[in-house]
Amino acid sequence: MTIVPTTPPVAGASRMRRLFRRGPWEMAASVTIGLGVVMLMQPFFLWAFSWSFVVTLAGTIMFVIVSHFPE
């Protein structure tokens, strides 16, 4: 049994649905995680190594949140 909404969708809802699609945000989160790993493995800049854990953690948290977005 499926439930069909009886009210028409709001015009702004389609804009929000387009903005919060899963695909582009998952790609951005994956790139952020990859950037953090590259920052961790490079031997040249201490600031990049110092911030690598924070960047990787931010990308991971972003990926967990984005995985709940609609397709």
Protein backbone atom coordinates (compact mmCIF):
# COMPACT_ATOMS: atom_id res chain seq x y z
CA MET A 1 0.00 0.00 0.00
CA THR A 2 1.46 3.35 -1.01
CA ILE A 3 0.54 6.69 0.46
CA VAL A 4 -0.06 9.39 -2.13
CA PRO A 5 0.19 13.00 -0.96
CA THR A 6 -3.00 14.96 -1.57
CA THR A 7 -1.45 18.43 -1.47
CA PRO A 8 0.60 19.70 -4.40
CA PRO A 9 4.31 20.22 -3.76
CA VAL A 10 5.48 23.71 -2.89
CA ALA A 11 7.40 25.55 -5.65
CA GLY A 12 10.45 26.07 -3.42
CA ALA A 13 10.57 22.39 -2.53
CA SER A 14 11.78 21.38 -6.00
CA ARG A 15 14.59 23.92 -5.77
CA MET A 16 15.62 22.51 -2.38
CA ARG A 17 15.39 18.96 -3.74
CA ARG A 18 17.67 19.90 -6.64
CA LEU A 19 20.13 21.62 -4.32
CA PHE A 20 20.35 18.72 -1.87
CA ARG A 21 20.78 15.80 -4.25
CA ARG A 22 23.07 13.08 -3.01
CA GLY A 23 25.42 12.69 -5.99
CA PRO A 24 27.30 16.02 -6.08
CA TRP A 25 27.53 16.25 -2.29
CA GLU A 26 28.88 12.70 -1.97
CA MET A 27 31.52 13.54 -4.56
CA ALA A 28 32.50 16.69 -2.64
CA ALA A 29 32.75 14.68 0.59
CA SER A 30 34.89 12.03 -1.11
CA VAL A 31 37.20 14.69 -2.55
CA THR A 32 37.52 16.24 0.92
CA ILE A 33 38.46 12.88 2.43
CA GLY A 34 40.98 12.32 -0.37
CA LEU A 35 42.46 15.78 0.17
CA GLY A 36 42.89 15.01 3.87
CA VAL A 37 44.69 11.75 3.08
CA VAL A 38 47.01 13.49 0.61
CA MET A 39 47.71 16.17 3.22
CA LEU A 40 48.58 13.40 5.68
CA MET A 41 51.07 11.69 3.35
CA GLN A 42 52.95 14.70 1.99
CA PRO A 43 56.33 15.50 3.62
CA PHE A 44 56.75 19.18 2.66
CA PHE A 45 54.32 21.38 4.62
CA LEU A 46 53.86 20.98 8.35
CA TRP A 47 50.62 23.02 8.31
CA ALA A 48 49.08 20.57 5.82
CA PHE A 49 50.10 17.59 7.93
CA SER A 50 48.75 19.31 11.04
CA TRP A 51 45.33 19.95 9.48
CA SER A 52 45.04 16.61 7.69
CA PHE A 53 43.11 14.85 10.46
CA VAL A 54 40.60 17.70 10.74
CA VAL A 55 40.01 17.74 6.97
CA THR A 56 39.61 13.96 6.81
CA LEU A 57 37.24 14.00 9.78
CA ALA A 58 35.18 16.82 8.26
CA GLY A 59 34.89 14.90 4.98
CA THR A 60 33.83 11.75 6.81
CA ILE A 61 31.16 13.54 8.84
CA MET A 62 29.98 15.28 5.68
CA PHE A 63 29.71 11.92 3.90
CA VAL A 64 27.66 10.42 6.74
CA ILE A 65 25.24 13.35 6.67
CA VAL A 66 25.01 13.48 2.87
CA SER A 67 24.30 9.77 2.63
CA HIS A 68 20.85 10.54 4.06
CA PHE A 69 19.99 13.03 1.27
CA PRO A 70 17.46 11.94 -1.39
CA GLU A 71 18.68 10.58 -4.71
